């Protein structure tokens, strides 16, 4: 990679970059899960599910639960002049896991004699803006080629952060009673600030070969300190049974 592309891949390659590169805007999104393929989604979307269909869907989910990962990156104005570059970015990521029993409950209901457990449930996510100053410096030239090093110095501006501290619960259904409880706690923040430093080495060899080593976040820190809050949620369903005088409760 050369020019502004070197900032993301290996800042040492700025030492081998010439001229001027301008970036106006760009974005990339990655979303994936560990259970359902697009083909499976298209197969069942809008369909009336049979018992066999439900079993197939449930069998797609591993015992560890349904895991979802999302990454979003966007870049705005960026400028590279020779060995220097100044760029701005925004990026966010989220990941989480839903217990397999969630889907068992949705697909098959709360069957009599069964306890549905939600303990393998967690998640976190964040959104951050960044301004990055980058530089590539030639070190030595010899028979093997030209060796250079590079640096990204990044200012981080936290936009939002959320992470689930704990989440657990269960529901048990008998012939004449439902009992259960669920508790969850999450921490959120509406901003913060910090820094990140990336380092890179690049070797440009005779014959057109290039070798590189990049180390992201060699040193980094982001303190979330704006409107930080802990949120607690709990619900219980104790001894809901058909023998109560007030059946609606």
Protein backbone atom coordinates (compact mmCIF):
# COMPACT_ATOMS: atom_id res chain seq x y z
CA UNK A 1 0.00 0.00 0.00
CA UNK A 2 1.15 3.53 -0.80
CA UNK A 3 -0.19 7.00 -0.08
CA UNK A 4 -3.12 7.29 2.31
CA UNK A 5 -3.72 3.53 2.07
CA UNK A 6 -0.43 3.04 3.96
CA UNK A 7 -1.93 4.69 7.04
CA UNK A 8 -4.28 1.76 7.63
CA UNK A 9 -2.00 -1.06 6.49
CA UNK A 10 1.57 -0.01 7.38
CA UNK A 11 2.68 3.61 7.99
CA UNK A 12 6.28 2.65 7.10
CA UNK A 13 5.20 2.58 3.44
CA UNK A 14 4.78 6.34 3.55
CA UNK A 15 8.58 6.44 3.28
CA UNK A 16 8.22 4.92 -0.20
CA UNK A 17 5.27 7.12 -1.23
CA UNK A 18 5.53 10.07 -3.56
CA UNK A 19 3.28 12.87 -4.70
CA UNK A 20 -0.05 13.79 -3.18
CA UNK A 21 -3.11 11.67 -2.30
CA UNK A 22 -6.47 13.15 -1.32
CA UNK A 23 -9.33 11.17 0.19
CA UNK A 24 -12.82 12.70 0.21
CA UNK A 25 -14.96 9.99 1.81
CA UNK A 26 -15.33 6.23 2.13
CA UNK A 27 -17.13 3.63 4.20
CA UNK A 28 -17.06 -0.10 4.84
CA UNK A 29 -19.43 -2.35 6.78
CA UNK A 30 -18.89 -5.93 7.95
CA UNK A 31 -21.70 -7.92 9.60
CA UNK A 32 -21.59 -11.64 10.31
CA UNK A 33 -22.90 -14.30 12.67
CA UNK A 34 -21.98 -17.85 13.62
CA UNK A 35 -25.31 -19.50 12.85
CA UNK A 36 -27.43 -18.44 9.87
CA UNK A 37 -26.30 -18.05 6.28
CA UNK A 38 -27.95 -15.73 3.77
CA UNK A 39 -29.25 -18.81 1.95
CA UNK A 40 -30.92 -20.03 5.15
CA UNK A 41 -32.46 -16.60 5.75
CA UNK A 42 -33.87 -16.47 2.22
CA UNK A 43 -35.19 -20.01 2.59
CA UNK A 44 -37.31 -19.28 5.66
CA UNK A 45 -38.03 -15.54 5.41
CA UNK A 46 -41.81 -15.06 5.36
CA UNK A 47 -42.49 -18.80 5.44
CA UNK A 48 -44.81 -20.73 7.76
CA UNK A 49 -42.46 -22.96 9.73
CA UNK A 50 -43.12 -26.64 10.26
CA UNK A 51 -41.76 -28.53 13.26
CA UNK A 52 -38.97 -29.88 11.03
CA UNK A 53 -38.12 -26.32 9.88
CA UNK A 54 -37.88 -25.16 13.48
CA UNK A 55 -35.58 -28.04 14.36
CA UNK A 56 -33.32 -27.18 11.41
CA UNK A 57 -33.10 -23.55 12.51
CA UNK A 58 -32.32 -24.50 16.10
CA UNK A 59 -29.67 -26.99 14.96
CA UNK A 60 -27.89 -24.15 13.09
CA UNK A 61 -27.14 -22.45 16.42
CA UNK A 62 -24.13 -23.85 18.32
CA UNK A 63 -24.36 -24.75 21.99
CA UNK A 64 -22.46 -21.56 22.89
CA UNK A 65 -25.32 -19.44 21.48
CA UNK A 66 -25.98 -17.04 18.61
CA UNK A 67 -22.98 -14.71 18.20
CA UNK A 68 -23.17 -11.51 16.16
CA UNK A 69 -20.27 -9.26 15.13
CA UNK A 70 -20.52 -5.90 13.38
CA UNK A 71 -17.84 -3.42 12.28
CA UNK A 72 -18.33 -0.07 10.59
CA UNK A 73 -15.55 2.19 9.33
CA UNK A 74 -15.82 5.55 7.62
CA UNK A 75 -13.20 8.04 6.49
CA UNK A 76 -13.59 11.71 5.68
CA UNK A 77 -11.03 14.25 4.51
CA UNK A 78 -7.51 12.84 4.27
CA UNK A 79 -4.31 14.24 2.77
CA UNK A 80 -0.94 12.63 2.07
CA UNK A 81 2.04 14.68 0.89
CA UNK A 82 5.18 12.65 0.46
CA UNK A 83 6.08 10.99 3.75
CA UNK A 84 3.41 12.82 5.78
CA UNK A 85 -0.30 12.10 6.06
CA UNK A 86 -3.20 13.58 8.01
CA UNK A 87 -6.49 11.69 8.04
CA UNK A 88 -9.79 11.51 9.90
CA UNK A 89 -11.84 8.42 10.56
CA UNK A 90 -14.83 7.14 12.47
CA UNK A 91 -15.31 3.54 13.44
CA UNK A 92 -17.64 1.47 15.50
CA UNK A 93 -17.96 -2.14 16.50
CA UNK A 94 -20.44 -4.31 18.30
CA UNK A 95 -20.49 -7.93 19.33
CA UNK A 96 -22.84 -9.98 21.38
CA UNK A 97 -24.19 -13.41 22.17
CA UNK A 98 -27.74 -14.66 22.75
CA UNK A 99 -28.21 -17.90 24.61
CA UNK A 100 -29.45 -20.77 22.42
CA UNK A 101 -32.41 -21.19 24.74
CA UNK A 102 -33.77 -17.81 23.57
CA UNK A 103 -34.41 -19.35 20.16
CA UNK A 104 -35.75 -22.55 21.69
CA UNK A 105 -38.33 -20.45 23.56
CA UNK A 106 -39.29 -18.41 20.47
CA UNK A 107 -39.57 -21.44 18.19
CA UNK A 108 -41.17 -24.01 20.51
CA UNK A 109 -42.64 -22.00 23.39
CA UNK A 110 -42.27 -22.70 27.08
CA UNK A 111 -42.92 -26.43 27.10
CA UNK A 112 -44.22 -28.08 30.26
CA UNK A 113 -41.48 -29.68 32.33
CA UNK A 114 -38.70 -27.62 30.72
CA UNK A 115 -36.41 -24.94 32.17
CA UNK A 116 -35.21 -22.32 29.70
CA UNK A 117 -31.88 -20.74 30.67
CA UNK A 118 -30.45 -17.45 29.33
CA UNK A 119 -27.04 -17.36 31.04
CA UNK A 120 -24.85 -17.32 27.90
CA UNK A 121 -25.88 -13.76 27.03
CA UNK A 122 -23.53 -10.78 26.76
CA UNK A 123 -22.62 -7.88 24.49
CA UNK A 124 -20.62 -4.69 24.02
CA UNK A 125 -20.26 -1.94 21.47
CA UNK A 126 -18.62 1.41 20.87
CA UNK A 127 -18.29 4.26 18.37
CA UNK A 128 -15.15 6.41 18.13
CA UNK A 129 -13.89 9.27 15.97
CA UNK A 130 -10.19 9.69 15.26
CA UNK A 131 -7.68 12.11 13.77
CA UNK A 132 -4.37 10.53 12.73
CA UNK A 133 -0.99 12.10 11.94
CA UNK A 134 1.31 9.68 10.11
CA UNK A 135 4.95 9.70 9.00
CA UNK A 136 7.32 7.30 7.28
CA UNK A 137 11.12 7.59 7.66
CA UNK A 138 13.77 5.76 5.58
CA UNK A 139 16.38 4.10 7.78
CA UNK A 140 19.02 2.32 5.71
CA UNK A 141 19.67 1.24 2.13
CA UNK A 142 21.79 -1.78 1.28
CA UNK A 143 22.11 -4.89 -0.82
CA UNK A 144 18.81 -6.24 0.50
CA UNK A 145 16.91 -3.06 -0.32
CA UNK A 146 15.56 -0.07 1.55
CA UNK A 147 14.36 -0.32 5.16
CA UNK A 148 11.94 2.22 6.64
CA UNK A 149 9.86 2.70 9.75
CA UNK A 150 6.56 4.51 10.22
CA UNK A 151 4.32 5.90 12.93
CA UNK A 152 0.63 6.68 13.33
CA UNK A 153 -0.20 9.03 16.22
CA UNK A 154 -3.95 9.01 16.71
CA UNK A 155 -6.25 11.21 18.81
CA UNK A 156 -9.40 9.33 19.79
CA UNK A 157 -12.74 10.97 20.52
CA UNK A 158 -15.20 8.58 22.12
CA UNK A 159 -18.80 8.92 20.91
CA UNK A 160 -20.62 6.11 22.72
CA UNK A 161 -19.84 2.92 24.63
CA UNK A 162 -21.97 0.16 26.08
CA UNK A 163 -21.10 -3.16 27.66
CA UNK A 164 -23.16 -5.74 29.50
CA UNK A 165 -21.70 -6.54 32.90
CA UNK A 166 -23.91 -9.55 33.49
CA UNK A 167 -27.09 -11.09 32.13
CA UNK A 168 -28.74 -14.25 33.36
CA UNK A 169 -32.15 -15.72 33.95
CA UNK A 170 -34.40 -18.73 33.55
CA UNK A 171 -38.04 -19.72 33.18
CA UNK A 172 -39.48 -23.04 34.40
CA UNK A 173 -42.89 -24.25 33.31
CA UNK A 174 -44.82 -27.02 35.05
CA UNK A 175 -48.34 -28.27 34.40
CA UNK A 176 -49.94 -25.59 36.58
CA UNK A 177 -47.23 -23.00 37.27
CA UNK A 178 -44.64 -20.71 35.69
CA UNK A 179 -41.67 -19.47 37.74
CA UNK A 180 -38.67 -17.50 36.61
CA UNK A 181 -36.37 -14.57 37.05
CA UNK A 182 -33.99 -12.49 34.92
CA UNK A 183 -31.35 -9.89 35.80
CA UNK A 184 -29.12 -7.76 33.60
CA UNK A 185 -26.77 -4.84 34.19
CA UNK A 186 -25.07 -2.66 31.59
CA UNK A 187 -22.74 0.35 31.66
CA UNK A 188 -22.98 3.15 29.10
CA UNK A 189 -21.05 6.32 28.43
CA UNK A 190 -21.75 9.18 26.03
CA UNK A 191 -18.14 10.14 25.39
CA UNK A 192 -14.48 10.18 26.26
CA UNK A 193 -11.03 10.83 24.81
CA UNK A 194 -7.72 9.06 24.39
CA UNK A 195 -4.88 8.18 22.05
CA UNK A 196 -3.44 5.34 20.01
CA UNK A 197 -0.02 4.69 18.47
CA UNK A 198 0.76 2.31 15.60
CA UNK A 199 4.26 1.34 14.45
CA UNK A 200 5.45 -0.24 11.23
CA UNK A 201 8.56 -1.52 9.46
CA UNK A 202 8.83 -1.82 5.68
CA UNK A 203 11.49 -3.38 3.46
CA UNK A 204 11.49 -2.60 -0.25
CA UNK A 205 13.67 -5.23 -1.94
CA UNK A 206 15.26 -5.57 -5.34
CA UNK A 207 13.04 -7.18 -7.92
CA UNK A 208 9.84 -5.57 -6.66
CA UNK A 209 9.34 -7.54 -3.44
CA UNK A 210 8.09 -5.70 -0.35
CA UNK A 211 7.97 -7.01 3.20
CA UNK A 212 6.19 -5.31 6.06
CA UNK A 213 5.47 -5.64 9.77
CA UNK A 214 2.73 -3.53 11.34
CA UNK A 215 1.85 -3.31 15.04
CA UNK A 216 -1.48 -1.66 15.78
CA UNK A 217 -2.16 0.01 19.13
CA UNK A 218 1.32 -0.49 20.52
CA UNK A 219 0.21 2.05 23.10
CA UNK A 220 -3.38 3.14 23.47
CA UNK A 221 -5.89 4.38 25.99
CA UNK A 222 -9.44 5.73 25.89
CA UNK A 223 -11.16 6.98 29.03
CA UNK A 224 -14.97 6.97 28.91
CA UNK A 225 -15.96 9.73 31.35
CA UNK A 226 -18.97 11.61 29.97
CA UNK A 227 -22.32 10.73 31.50
CA UNK A 228 -21.24 7.24 32.53
CA UNK A 229 -24.18 5.28 33.94
CA UNK A 230 -24.97 1.79 35.15
CA UNK A 231 -28.38 0.41 34.18
CA UNK A 232 -29.99 -2.40 36.14
CA UNK A 233 -32.90 -4.50 34.88
CA UNK A 234 -34.70 -7.28 36.68
CA UNK A 235 -37.96 -9.17 36.36
CA UNK A 236 -39.43 -12.10 38.26
CA UNK A 237 -42.38 -14.40 37.69
CA UNK A 238 -42.86 -16.29 40.93
CA UNK A 239 -45.56 -18.90 41.34
CA UNK A 240 -47.81 -17.79 38.51
CA UNK A 241 -50.30 -20.64 38.60
CA UNK A 242 -53.77 -21.60 37.54
CA UNK A 243 -54.96 -21.99 41.13
CA UNK A 244 -54.79 -18.31 42.05
CA UNK A 245 -58.00 -16.44 42.79
CA UNK A 246 -56.86 -13.52 40.63
CA UNK A 247 -56.15 -15.43 37.43
CA UNK A 248 -55.31 -12.30 35.40
CA UNK A 249 -52.24 -11.68 37.58
